[in-house]
Amino acid sequence: MERRGPAVEPKEIKHEDDFNVSITWGDDRRCRYHAAALRRACPCAQCVDEWTGERVLKAGSISDNIEIRDISLVGRYALNFRWSDGHETGIYSFRYLRELCEPQDAESGDQQS
């Protein structure tokens, strides 16, 4: 995936409700993210071993009912989420969020190309 350009530049970020956020990218692709899936994919050092890259966060430890309490921009390259479990250290780059979206094509019809 390219590092810059419309595919990794959001046009709109919408906090739909406590459980979902959607991003419309510069290439008009719309991706919808569920809170539990995003929390389980947290890229922070508490959730992913910095040296090995191995995910240390156990997916089963995250409730399907976890909520997004707040979303903030990090510079012009990422989002930070504040979760209902108190976690808030993950920085989700726009590139990472777009990569998380790519497998959604096969899973559902939410996305638009």
PDB file of N, CA and C in Angstrom:
ATOM      1  N   MET A   1       0.848  -1.176   0.000  1.00  0.00           N
ATOM      2  CA  MET A   1       0.000   0.000   0.000  1.00  0.00           C
ATOM      3  C   MET A   1       0.891   1.236   0.000  1.00  0.00           C
ATOM      4  N   GLU A   2       0.443   2.250  -0.704  1.00  0.00           N
ATOM      5  CA  GLU A   2       1.233   3.470  -0.764  1.00  0.00           C
ATOM      6  C   GLU A   2       1.267   4.179   0.583  1.00  0.00           C
ATOM      7  N   ARG A   3       2.363   4.891   0.840  1.00  0.00           N
ATOM      8  CA  ARG A   3       2.534   5.598   2.106  1.00  0.00           C
ATOM      9  C   ARG A   3       1.726   6.885   2.144  1.00  0.00           C
ATOM     10  N   ARG A   4       1.523   7.494   1.009  1.00  0.00           N
ATOM     11  CA  ARG A   4       0.781   8.748   0.918  1.00  0.00           C
ATOM     12  C   ARG A   4      -0.212   8.654  -0.219  1.00  0.00           C
ATOM     13  N   GLY A   5      -1.077   9.621  -0.265  1.00  0.00           N
ATOM     14  CA  GLY A   5      -2.055   9.653  -1.338  1.00  0.00           C
ATOM     15  C   GLY A   5      -3.449   9.392  -0.820  1.00  0.00           C
ATOM     16  N   PRO A   6      -4.419   9.434  -1.723  1.00  0.00           N
ATOM     17  CA  PRO A   6      -5.827   9.335  -1.334  1.00  0.00           C
ATOM     18  C   PRO A   6      -6.189   8.082  -0.542  1.00  0.00           C
ATOM     19  N   ALA A   7      -5.519   6.970  -0.782  1.00  0.00           N
ATOM     20  CA  ALA A   7      -5.874   5.724  -0.096  1.00  0.00           C
ATOM     21  C   ALA A   7      -5.606   5.791   1.402  1.00  0.00           C
ATOM     22  N   VAL A   8      -4.729   6.680   1.840  1.00  0.00           N
ATOM     23  CA  VAL A   8      -4.411   6.777   3.266  1.00  0.00           C
ATOM     24  C   VAL A   8      -4.670   8.181   3.823  1.00  0.00           C
ATOM     25  N   GLU A   9      -5.483   8.939   3.121  1.00  0.00           N
ATOM     26  CA  GLU A   9      -5.859  10.272   3.590  1.00  0.00           C
ATOM     27  C   GLU A   9      -7.371  10.317   3.775  1.00  0.00           C
ATOM     28  N   PRO A  10      -7.819  10.430   5.028  1.00  0.00           N
ATOM     29  CA  PRO A  10      -9.267  10.453   5.254  1.00  0.00           C
ATOM     30  C   PRO A  10      -9.902  11.770   4.819  1.00  0.00           C
ATOM     31  N   LYS A  11     -11.067  11.650   4.175  1.00  0.00           N
ATOM     32  CA  LYS A  11     -11.878  12.830   3.852  1.00  0.00           C
ATOM     33  C   LYS A  11     -12.835  13.114   4.990  1.00  0.00           C
ATOM     34  N   GLU A  12     -13.349  12.053   5.603  1.00  0.00           N
ATOM     35  CA  GLU A  12     -14.302  12.199   6.694  1.00  0.00           C
ATOM     36  C   GLU A  12     -14.097  11.085   7.708  1.00  0.00           C
ATOM     37  N   ILE A  13     -14.085  11.469   8.987  1.00  0.00           N
ATOM     38  CA  ILE A  13     -14.027  10.519  10.088  1.00  0.00           C
ATOM     39  C   ILE A  13     -15.284  10.750  10.900  1.00  0.00           C
ATOM     40  N   LYS A  14     -16.095   9.711  11.023  1.00  0.00           N
ATOM     41  CA  LYS A  14     -17.385   9.865  11.689  1.00  0.00           C
ATOM     42  C   LYS A  14     -17.503   8.884  12.851  1.00  0.00           C
ATOM     43  N   HIS A  15     -17.654   9.427  14.055  1.00  0.00           N
ATOM     44  CA  HIS A  15     -17.902   8.615  15.255  1.00  0.00           C
ATOM     45  C   HIS A  15     -19.407   8.349  15.260  1.00  0.00           C
ATOM     46  N   GLU A  16     -19.826   7.232  14.660  1.00  0.00           N
ATOM     47  CA  GLU A  16     -21.246   6.946  14.439  1.00  0.00           C
ATOM     48  C   GLU A  16     -22.031   6.770  15.730  1.00  0.00           C
ATOM     49  N   ASP A  17     -21.466   5.997  16.648  1.00  0.00           N
ATOM     50  CA  ASP A  17     -22.094   5.738  17.945  1.00  0.00           C
ATOM     51  C   ASP A  17     -21.009   5.187  18.858  1.00  0.00           C
ATOM     52  N   ASP A  18     -21.377   4.675  20.029  1.00  0.00           N
ATOM     53  CA  ASP A  18     -20.377   4.196  20.984  1.00  0.00           C
ATOM     54  C   ASP A  18     -19.587   2.988  20.475  1.00  0.00           C
ATOM     55  N   PHE A  19     -20.095   2.315  19.454  1.00  0.00           N
ATOM     56  CA  PHE A  19     -19.490   1.067  19.006  1.00  0.00           C
ATOM     57  C   PHE A  19     -18.902   1.095  17.599  1.00  0.00           C
ATOM     58  N   ASN A  20     -19.087   2.177  16.860  1.00  0.00           N
ATOM     59  CA  ASN A  20     -18.649   2.200  15.470  1.00  0.00           C
ATOM     60  C   ASN A  20     -18.081   3.549  15.061  1.00  0.00           C
ATOM     61  N   VAL A  21     -17.083   3.478  14.197  1.00  0.00           N
ATOM     62  CA  VAL A  21     -16.530   4.667  13.567  1.00  0.00           C
ATOM     63  C   VAL A  21     -16.384   4.340  12.077  1.00  0.00           C
ATOM     64  N   SER A  22     -16.620   5.322  11.235  1.00  0.00           N
ATOM     65  CA  SER A  22     -16.428   5.103   9.809  1.00  0.00           C
ATOM     66  C   SER A  22     -15.468   6.153   9.269  1.00  0.00           C
ATOM     67  N   ILE A  23     -14.716   5.742   8.280  1.00  0.00           N
ATOM     68  CA  ILE A  23     -13.786   6.648   7.614  1.00  0.00           C
ATOM     69  C   ILE A  23     -14.054   6.571   6.120  1.00  0.00           C
ATOM     70  N   THR A  24     -14.239   7.726   5.520  1.00  0.00           N
ATOM     71  CA  THR A  24     -14.286   7.820   4.058  1.00  0.00           C
ATOM     72  C   THR A  24     -12.929   8.351   3.641  1.00  0.00           C
ATOM     73  N   TRP A  25     -12.261   7.566   2.826  1.00  0.00           N
ATOM     74  CA  TRP A  25     -10.903   7.892   2.410  1.00  0.00           C
ATOM     75  C   TRP A  25     -10.912   8.790   1.176  1.00  0.00           C
ATOM     76  N   GLY A  26      -9.772   9.360   0.871  1.00  0.00           N
ATOM     77  CA  GLY A  26      -9.628  10.271  -0.259  1.00  0.00           C
ATOM     78  C   GLY A  26      -9.953   9.642  -1.599  1.00  0.00           C
ATOM     79  N   ASP A  27      -9.879   8.313  -1.676  1.00  0.00           N
ATOM     80  CA  ASP A  27     -10.241   7.626  -2.923  1.00  0.00           C
ATOM     81  C   ASP A  27     -11.708   7.188  -2.906  1.00  0.00           C
ATOM     82  N   ASP A  28     -12.492   7.736  -1.961  1.00  0.00           N
ATOM     83  CA  ASP A  28     -13.925   7.487  -1.796  1.00  0.00           C
ATOM     84  C   ASP A  28     -14.270   6.112  -1.247  1.00  0.00           C
ATOM     85  N   ARG A  29     -13.304   5.367  -0.815  1.00  0.00           N
ATOM     86  CA  ARG A  29     -13.562   4.094  -0.150  1.00  0.00           C
ATOM     87  C   ARG A  29     -14.081   4.391   1.253  1.00  0.00           C
ATOM     88  N   ARG A  30     -15.152   3.742   1.659  1.00  0.00           N
ATOM     89  CA  ARG A  30     -15.705   3.921   3.006  1.00  0.00           C
ATOM     90  C   ARG A  30     -15.452   2.653   3.800  1.00  0.00           C
ATOM     91  N   CYS A  31     -14.871   2.815   4.972  1.00  0.00           N
ATOM     92  CA  CYS A  31     -14.583   1.687   5.843  1.00  0.00           C
ATOM     93  C   CYS A  31     -15.264   1.922   7.179  1.00  0.00           C
ATOM     94  N   ARG A  32     -15.864   0.881   7.691  1.00  0.00           N
ATOM     95  CA  ARG A  32     -16.556   0.961   8.983  1.00  0.00           C
ATOM     96  C   ARG A  32     -15.825   0.034   9.948  1.00  0.00           C
ATOM     97  N   TYR A  33     -15.550   0.552  11.130  1.00  0.00           N
ATOM     98  CA  TYR A  33     -14.780  -0.172  12.129  1.00  0.00           C
ATOM     99  C   TYR A  33     -15.618  -0.355  13.390  1.00  0.00           C
ATOM    100  N   HIS A  34     -15.637  -1.560  13.914  1.00  0.00           N
ATOM    101  CA  HIS A  34     -16.349  -1.849  15.161  1.00  0.00           C
ATOM    102  C   HIS A  34     -15.367  -1.682  16.315  1.00  0.00           C
ATOM    103  N   ALA A  35     -15.829  -1.132  17.412  1.00  0.00           N
ATOM    104  CA  ALA A  35     -14.987  -0.819  18.559  1.00  0.00           C
ATOM    105  C   ALA A  35     -14.178  -2.018  19.043  1.00  0.00           C
ATOM    106  N   ALA A  36     -14.822  -3.158  19.231  1.00  0.00           N
ATOM    107  CA  ALA A  36     -14.107  -4.325  19.770  1.00  0.00           C
ATOM    108  C   ALA A  36     -12.974  -4.754  18.842  1.00  0.00           C
ATOM    109  N   ALA A  37     -13.215  -4.751  17.549  1.00  0.00           N
ATOM    110  CA  ALA A  37     -12.169  -5.144  16.595  1.00  0.00           C
ATOM    111  C   ALA A  37     -11.005  -4.152  16.626  1.00  0.00           C
ATOM    112  N   LEU A  38     -11.327  -2.864  16.706  1.00  0.00           N
ATOM    113  CA  LEU A  38     -10.267  -1.853  16.781  1.00  0.00           C
ATOM    114  C   LEU A  38      -9.459  -2.001  18.069  1.00  0.00           C
ATOM    115  N   ARG A  39     -10.141  -2.199  19.184  1.00  0.00           N
ATOM    116  CA  ARG A  39      -9.434  -2.325  20.459  1.00  0.00           C
ATOM    117  C   ARG A  39      -8.534  -3.545  20.450  1.00  0.00           C
ATOM    118  N   ARG A  40      -9.008  -4.636  19.874  1.00  0.00           N
ATOM    119  CA  ARG A  40      -8.203  -5.866  19.797  1.00  0.00           C
ATOM    120  C   ARG A  40      -6.996  -5.699  18.878  1.00  0.00           C
ATOM    121  N   ALA A  41      -7.063  -4.737  17.968  1.00  0.00           N
ATOM    122  CA  ALA A  41      -5.974  -4.477  17.016  1.00  0.00           C
ATOM    123  C   ALA A  41      -5.055  -3.357  17.493  1.00  0.00           C
ATOM    124  N   CYS A  42      -5.188  -2.934  18.737  1.00  0.00           N
ATOM    125  CA  CYS A  42      -4.395  -1.817  19.253  1.00  0.00           C
ATOM    126  C   CYS A  42      -2.906  -2.057  19.002  1.00  0.00           C
ATOM    127  N   PRO A  43      -2.221  -1.061  18.416  1.00  0.00           N
ATOM    128  CA  PRO A  43      -0.810  -1.226  18.088  1.00  0.00           C
ATOM    129  C   PRO A  43       0.162  -0.744  19.166  1.00  0.00           C
ATOM    130  N   CYS A  44      -0.321  -0.388  20.350  1.00  0.00           N
ATOM    131  CA  CYS A  44       0.561   0.204  21.367  1.00  0.00           C
ATOM    132  C   CYS A  44       1.511  -0.833  21.976  1.00  0.00           C
ATOM    133  N   ALA A  45       2.503  -0.338  22.713  1.00  0.00           N
ATOM    134  CA  ALA A  45       3.510  -1.206  23.327  1.00  0.00           C
ATOM    135  C   ALA A  45       2.940  -2.109  24.419  1.00  0.00           C
ATOM    136  N   GLN A  46       1.803  -1.754  25.004  1.00  0.00           N
ATOM    137  CA  GLN A  46       1.175  -2.632  25.995  1.00  0.00           C
ATOM    138  C   GLN A  46       0.490  -3.820  25.325  1.00  0.00           C
ATOM    139  N   CYS A  47       0.095  -3.641  24.077  1.00  0.00           N
ATOM    140  CA  CYS A  47      -0.664  -4.675  23.368  1.00  0.00           C
ATOM    141  C   CYS A  47       0.174  -5.487  22.382  1.00  0.00           C
ATOM    142  N   VAL A  48       1.298  -4.916  21.952  1.00  0.00           N
ATOM    143  CA  VAL A  48       2.193  -5.584  20.999  1.00  0.00           C
ATOM    144  C   VAL A  48       3.620  -5.470  21.535  1.00  0.00           C
ATOM    145  N   ASP A  49       4.321  -6.602  21.632  1.00  0.00           N
ATOM    146  CA  ASP A  49       5.702  -6.580  22.104  1.00  0.00           C
ATOM    147  C   ASP A  49       6.552  -5.749  21.144  1.00  0.00           C
ATOM    148  N   GLU A  50       7.220  -4.736  21.682  1.00  0.00           N
ATOM    149  CA  GLU A  50       8.001  -3.827  20.848  1.00  0.00           C
ATOM    150  C   GLU A  50       9.162  -4.495  20.134  1.00  0.00           C
ATOM    151  N   TRP A  51       9.712  -5.533  20.734  1.00  0.00           N
ATOM    152  CA  TRP A  51      10.901  -6.176  20.168  1.00  0.00           C
ATOM    153  C   TRP A  51      10.557  -7.260  19.163  1.00  0.00           C
ATOM    154  N   THR A  52       9.530  -8.035  19.456  1.00  0.00           N
ATOM    155  CA  THR A  52       9.208  -9.165  18.584  1.00  0.00           C
ATOM    156  C   THR A  52       8.063  -8.869  17.619  1.00  0.00           C
ATOM    157  N   GLY A  53       7.250  -7.848  17.937  1.00  0.00           N
ATOM    158  CA  GLY A  53       6.070  -7.565  17.123  1.00  0.00           C
ATOM    159  C   GLY A  53       4.911  -8.498  17.438  1.00  0.00           C
ATOM    160  N   GLU A  54       5.108  -9.392  18.418  1.00  0.00           N
ATOM    161  CA  GLU A  54       4.062 -10.349  18.781  1.00  0.00           C
ATOM    162  C   GLU A  54       2.963  -9.648  19.586  1.00  0.00           C
ATOM    163  N   ARG A  55       1.734  -9.953  19.236  1.00  0.00           N
ATOM    164  CA  ARG A  55       0.598  -9.382  19.962  1.00  0.00           C
ATOM    165  C   ARG A  55       0.510 -10.055  21.315  1.00  0.00           C
ATOM    166  N   VAL A  56       0.563  -9.256  22.385  1.00  0.00           N
ATOM    167  CA  VAL A  56       0.469  -9.800  23.737  1.00  0.00           C
ATOM    168  C   VAL A  56      -0.935  -9.635  24.309  1.00  0.00           C
ATOM    169  N   LEU A  57      -1.706  -8.737  23.747  1.00  0.00           N
ATOM    170  CA  LEU A  57      -3.099  -8.579  24.162  1.00  0.00           C
ATOM    171  C   LEU A  57      -3.882  -9.801  23.707  1.00  0.00           C
ATOM    172  N   LYS A  58      -4.555 -10.433  24.637  1.00  0.00           N
ATOM    173  CA  LYS A  58      -5.389 -11.592  24.309  1.00  0.00           C
ATOM    174  C   LYS A  58      -6.744 -11.091  23.833  1.00  0.00           C
ATOM    175  N   ALA A  59      -7.126 -11.437  22.614  1.00  0.00           N
ATOM    176  CA  ALA A  59      -8.380 -10.964  22.026  1.00  0.00           C
ATOM    177  C   ALA A  59      -9.573 -11.251  22.925  1.00  0.00           C
ATOM    178  N   GLY A  60      -9.565 -12.398  23.578  1.00  0.00           N
ATOM    179  CA  GLY A  60     -10.676 -12.789  24.438  1.00  0.00           C
ATOM    180  C   GLY A  60     -10.826 -11.932  25.684  1.00  0.00           C
ATOM    181  N   SER A  61      -9.797 -11.163  26.006  1.00  0.00           N
ATOM    182  CA  SER A  61      -9.870 -10.307  27.187  1.00  0.00           C
ATOM    183  C   SER A  61     -10.617  -9.003  26.909  1.00  0.00           C
ATOM    184  N   ILE A  62     -10.941  -8.760  25.651  1.00  0.00           N
ATOM    185  CA  ILE A  62     -11.654  -7.542  25.266  1.00  0.00           C
ATOM    186  C   ILE A  62     -13.121  -7.879  25.039  1.00  0.00           C
ATOM    187  N   SER A  63     -13.989  -7.211  25.755  1.00  0.00           N
ATOM    188  CA  SER A  63     -15.433  -7.433  25.638  1.00  0.00           C
ATOM    189  C   SER A  63     -15.941  -7.000  24.264  1.00  0.00           C
ATOM    190  N   ASP A  64     -16.908  -7.743  23.739  1.00  0.00           N
ATOM    191  CA  ASP A  64     -17.561  -7.349  22.489  1.00  0.00           C
ATOM    192  C   ASP A  64     -18.339  -6.046  22.665  1.00  0.00           C
ATOM    193  N   ASN A  65     -18.598  -5.673  23.909  1.00  0.00           N
ATOM    194  CA  ASN A  65     -19.377  -4.468  24.203  1.00  0.00           C
ATOM    195  C   ASN A  65     -18.524  -3.270  24.595  1.00  0.00           C
ATOM    196  N   ILE A  66     -17.224  -3.331  24.330  1.00  0.00           N
ATOM    197  CA  ILE A  66     -16.364  -2.190  24.644  1.00  0.00           C
ATOM    198  C   ILE A  66     -16.817  -0.977  23.826  1.00  0.00           C
ATOM    199  N   GLU A  67     -16.705   0.201  24.411  1.00  0.00           N
ATOM    200  CA  GLU A  67     -17.184   1.414  23.756  1.00  0.00           C
ATOM    201  C   GLU A  67     -16.038   2.376  23.455  1.00  0.00           C
ATOM    202  N   ILE A  68     -16.232   3.146  22.412  1.00  0.00           N
ATOM    203  CA  ILE A  68     -15.323   4.239  22.070  1.00  0.00           C
ATOM    204  C   ILE A  68     -15.830   5.467  22.821  1.00  0.00           C
ATOM    205  N   ARG A  69     -15.053   5.946  23.782  1.00  0.00           N
ATOM    206  CA  ARG A  69     -15.463   7.117  24.574  1.00  0.00           C
ATOM    207  C   ARG A  69     -15.089   8.421  23.879  1.00  0.00           C
ATOM    208  N   ASP A  70     -13.937   8.411  23.184  1.00  0.00           N
ATOM    209  CA  ASP A  70     -13.475   9.625  22.521  1.00  0.00           C
ATOM    210  C   ASP A  70     -12.498   9.254  21.422  1.00  0.00           C
ATOM    211  N   ILE A  71     -12.433  10.103  20.409  1.00  0.00           N
ATOM    212  CA  ILE A  71     -11.478   9.942  19.312  1.00  0.00           C
ATOM    213  C   ILE A  71     -10.784  11.276  19.139  1.00  0.00           C
ATOM    214  N   SER A  72      -9.462  11.251  19.009  1.00  0.00           N
ATOM    215  CA  SER A  72      -8.736  12.490  18.751  1.00  0.00           C
ATOM    216  C   SER A  72      -7.712  12.281  17.642  1.00  0.00           C
ATOM    217  N   LEU A  73      -7.441  13.347  16.928  1.00  0.00           N
ATOM    218  CA  LEU A  73      -6.421  13.321  15.889  1.00  0.00           C
ATOM    219  C   LEU A  73      -5.050  13.391  16.529  1.00  0.00           C
ATOM    220  N   VAL A  74      -4.112  12.676  15.947  1.00  0.00           N
ATOM    221  CA  VAL A  74      -2.715  12.759  16.332  1.00  0.00           C
ATOM    222  C   VAL A  74      -1.999  13.345  15.119  1.00  0.00           C
ATOM    223  N   GLY A  75      -1.636  14.608  15.226  1.00  0.00           N
ATOM    224  CA  GLY A  75      -1.033  15.278  14.075  1.00  0.00           C
ATOM    225  C   GLY A  75      -1.949  15.194  12.875  1.00  0.00           C
ATOM    226  N   ARG A  76      -1.349  14.925  11.729  1.00  0.00           N
ATOM    227  CA  ARG A  76      -2.127  14.743  10.503  1.00  0.00           C
ATOM    228  C   ARG A  76      -1.968  13.328   9.959  1.00  0.00           C
ATOM    229  N   TYR A  77      -1.650  12.382  10.884  1.00  0.00           N
ATOM    230  CA  TYR A  77      -1.337  11.044  10.398  1.00  0.00           C
ATOM    231  C   TYR A  77      -2.018   9.902  11.144  1.00  0.00           C
ATOM    232  N   ALA A  78      -2.763  10.186  12.221  1.00  0.00           N
ATOM    233  CA  ALA A  78      -3.266   9.073  13.027  1.00  0.00           C
ATOM    234  C   ALA A  78      -4.450   9.487  13.890  1.00  0.00           C
ATOM    235  N   LEU A  79      -5.086   8.462  14.483  1.00  0.00           N
ATOM    236  CA  LEU A  79      -6.150   8.654  15.458  1.00  0.00           C
ATOM    237  C   LEU A  79      -5.755   7.984  16.769  1.00  0.00           C
ATOM    238  N   ASN A  80      -6.265   8.532  17.855  1.00  0.00           N
ATOM    239  CA  ASN A  80      -6.122   7.940  19.163  1.00  0.00           C
ATOM    240  C   ASN A  80      -7.526   7.741  19.723  1.00  0.00           C
ATOM    241  N   PHE A  81      -7.768   6.584  20.286  1.00  0.00           N
ATOM    242  CA  PHE A  81      -9.070   6.254  20.850  1.00  0.00           C
ATOM    243  C   PHE A  81      -8.963   6.167  22.370  1.00  0.00           C
ATOM    244  N   ARG A  82      -9.983   6.632  23.058  1.00  0.00           N
ATOM    245  CA  ARG A  82     -10.119   6.422  24.492  1.00  0.00           C
ATOM    246  C   ARG A  82     -11.254   5.414  24.653  1.00  0.00           C
ATOM    247  N   TRP A  83     -10.937   4.268  25.253  1.00  0.00           N
ATOM    248  CA  TRP A  83     -11.873   3.151  25.346  1.00  0.00           C
ATOM    249  C   TRP A  83     -12.549   3.109  26.709  1.00  0.00           C
ATOM    250  N   SER A  84     -13.691   2.444  26.767  1.00  0.00           N
ATOM    251  CA  SER A  84     -14.442   2.320  28.016  1.00  0.00           C
ATOM    252  C   SER A  84     -13.710   1.469  29.055  1.00  0.00           C
ATOM    253  N   ASP A  85     -12.679   0.720  28.656  1.00  0.00           N
ATOM    254  CA  ASP A  85     -11.895  -0.047  29.633  1.00  0.00           C
ATOM    255  C   ASP A  85     -10.734   0.775  30.190  1.00  0.00           C
ATOM    256  N   GLY A  86     -10.669   2.070  29.811  1.00  0.00           N
ATOM    257  CA  GLY A  86      -9.635   2.961  30.317  1.00  0.00           C
ATOM    258  C   GLY A  86      -8.381   3.025  29.467  1.00  0.00           C
ATOM    259  N   HIS A  87      -8.249   2.141  28.494  1.00  0.00           N
ATOM    260  CA  HIS A  87      -7.065   2.124  27.641  1.00  0.00           C
ATOM    261  C   HIS A  87      -7.105   3.318  26.682  1.00  0.00           C
ATOM    262  N   GLU A  88      -5.937   3.956  26.472  1.00  0.00           N
ATOM    263  CA  GLU A  88      -5.913   5.099  25.558  1.00  0.00           C
ATOM    264  C   GLU A  88      -4.532   5.403  25.005  1.00  0.00           C
ATOM    265  N   THR A  89      -3.653   4.411  24.967  1.00  0.00           N
ATOM    266  CA  THR A  89      -2.291   4.683  24.518  1.00  0.00           C
ATOM    267  C   THR A  89      -2.020   4.331  23.056  1.00  0.00           C
ATOM    268  N   GLY A  90      -2.957   3.699  22.392  1.00  0.00           N
ATOM    269  CA  GLY A  90      -2.725   3.285  21.012  1.00  0.00           C
ATOM    270  C   GLY A  90      -2.821   4.448  20.031  1.00  0.00           C
ATOM    271  N   ILE A  91      -1.854   4.528  19.129  1.00  0.00           N
ATOM    272  CA  ILE A  91      -1.894   5.495  18.037  1.00  0.00           C
ATOM    273  C   ILE A  91      -2.084   4.697  16.753  1.00  0.00           C
ATOM    274  N   TYR A  92      -3.241   4.884  16.152  1.00  0.00           N
ATOM    275  CA  TYR A  92      -3.626   4.150  14.942  1.00  0.00           C
ATOM    276  C   TYR A  92      -3.338   5.039  13.740  1.00  0.00           C
ATOM    277  N   SER A  93      -2.245   4.779  13.043  1.00  0.00           N
ATOM    278  CA  SER A  93      -1.924   5.597  11.868  1.00  0.00           C
ATOM    279  C   SER A  93      -3.011   5.394  10.812  1.00  0.00           C
ATOM    280  N   PHE A  94      -3.180   6.395   9.977  1.00  0.00           N
ATOM    281  CA  PHE A  94      -4.170   6.256   8.914  1.00  0.00           C
ATOM    282  C   PHE A  94      -3.812   5.073   8.014  1.00  0.00           C
ATOM    283  N   ARG A  95      -2.544   4.872   7.781  1.00  0.00           N
ATOM    284  CA  ARG A  95      -2.122   3.729   6.959  1.00  0.00           C
ATOM    285  C   ARG A  95      -2.546   2.407   7.607  1.00  0.00           C
ATOM    286  N   TYR A  96      -2.348   2.291   8.933  1.00  0.00           N
ATOM    287  CA  TYR A  96      -2.736   1.086   9.656  1.00  0.00           C
ATOM    288  C   TYR A  96      -4.247   0.885   9.599  1.00  0.00           C
ATOM    289  N   LEU A  97      -4.996   1.955   9.785  1.00  0.00           N
ATOM    290  CA  LEU A  97      -6.461   1.854   9.709  1.00  0.00           C
ATOM    291  C   LEU A  97      -6.902   1.403   8.327  1.00  0.00           C
ATOM    292  N   ARG A  98      -6.256   1.906   7.294  1.00  0.00           N
ATOM    293  CA  ARG A  98      -6.612   1.476   5.937  1.00  0.00           C
ATOM    294  C   ARG A  98      -6.267   0.005   5.733  1.00  0.00           C
ATOM    295  N   GLU A  99      -5.143  -0.424   6.277  1.00  0.00           N
ATOM    296  CA  GLU A  99      -4.776  -1.843   6.178  1.00  0.00           C
ATOM    297  C   GLU A  99      -5.789  -2.723   6.899  1.00  0.00           C
ATOM    298  N   LEU A 100      -6.299  -2.259   8.044  1.00  0.00           N
ATOM    299  CA  LEU A 100      -7.325  -3.016   8.760  1.00  0.00           C
ATOM    300  C   LEU A 100      -8.610  -3.114   7.949  1.00  0.00           C
ATOM    301  N   CYS A 101      -8.833  -2.144   7.106  1.00  0.00           N
ATOM    302  CA  CYS A 101     -10.050  -2.110   6.299  1.00  0.00           C
ATOM    303  C   CYS A 101     -10.004  -3.081   5.123  1.00  0.00           C
ATOM    304  N   GLU A 102      -8.854  -3.293   4.569  1.00  0.00           N
ATOM    305  CA  GLU A 102      -8.737  -4.079   3.338  1.00  0.00           C
ATOM    306  C   GLU A 102      -9.405  -5.455   3.404  1.00  0.00           C
ATOM    307  N   PRO A 103      -9.254  -6.228   4.484  1.00  0.00           N
ATOM    308  CA  PRO A 103      -9.909  -7.541   4.534  1.00  0.00           C
ATOM    309  C   PRO A 103     -11.434  -7.459   4.611  1.00  0.00           C
ATOM    310  N   GLN A 104     -11.986  -6.295   4.892  1.00  0.00           N
ATOM    311  CA  GLN A 104     -13.430  -6.163   5.039  1.00  0.00           C
ATOM    312  C   GLN A 104     -14.182  -6.440   3.736  1.00  0.00           C
ATOM    313  N   ASP A 105     -13.540  -6.275   2.604  1.00  0.00           N
ATOM    314  CA  ASP A 105     -14.195  -6.538   1.319  1.00  0.00           C
ATOM    315  C   ASP A 105     -14.794  -7.936   1.271  1.00  0.00           C
ATOM    316  N   ALA A 106     -14.037  -8.888   1.770  1.00  0.00           N
ATOM    317  CA  ALA A 106     -14.486 -10.277   1.709  1.00  0.00           C
ATOM    318  C   ALA A 106     -15.523 -10.592   2.790  1.00  0.00           C
ATOM    319  N   GLU A 107     -15.558  -9.772   3.849  1.00  0.00           N
ATOM    320  CA  GLU A 107     -16.413 -10.080   4.986  1.00  0.00           C
ATOM    321  C   GLU A 107     -17.804  -9.482   4.913  1.00  0.00           C
ATOM    322  N   SER A 108     -17.924  -8.290   4.321  1.00  0.00           N
ATOM    323  CA  SER A 108     -19.232  -7.653   4.316  1.00  0.00           C
ATOM    324  C   SER A 108     -19.371  -6.671   3.174  1.00  0.00           C
ATOM    325  N   GLY A 109     -20.572  -6.157   3.033  1.00  0.00           N
ATOM    326  CA  GLY A 109     -20.845  -5.184   1.983  1.00  0.00           C
ATOM    327  C   GLY A 109     -20.837  -3.757   2.478  1.00  0.00           C
ATOM    328  N   ASP A 110     -20.339  -3.510   3.708  1.00  0.00           N
ATOM    329  CA  ASP A 110     -20.323  -2.161   4.254  1.00  0.00           C
ATOM    330  C   ASP A 110     -19.469  -1.189   3.443  1.00  0.00           C
ATOM    331  N   GLN A 111     -18.404  -1.701   2.884  1.00  0.00           N
ATOM    332  CA  GLN A 111     -17.451  -0.837   2.233  1.00  0.00           C
ATOM    333  C   GLN A 111     -17.853  -0.535   0.789  1.00  0.00           C
ATOM    334  N   GLN A 112     -17.415   0.602   0.352  1.00  0.00           N
ATOM    335  CA  GLN A 112     -17.654   1.002  -1.027  1.00  0.00           C
ATOM    336  C   GLN A 112     -16.310   1.244  -1.670  1.00  0.00           C
ATOM    337  N   SER A 113     -16.133   0.771  -2.875  1.00  0.00           N
ATOM    338  CA  SER A 113     -14.880   1.016  -3.587  1.00  0.00           C
ATOM    339  C   SER A 113     -14.989   2.272  -4.395  1.00  0.00           C
TER     340      SER A 113
END
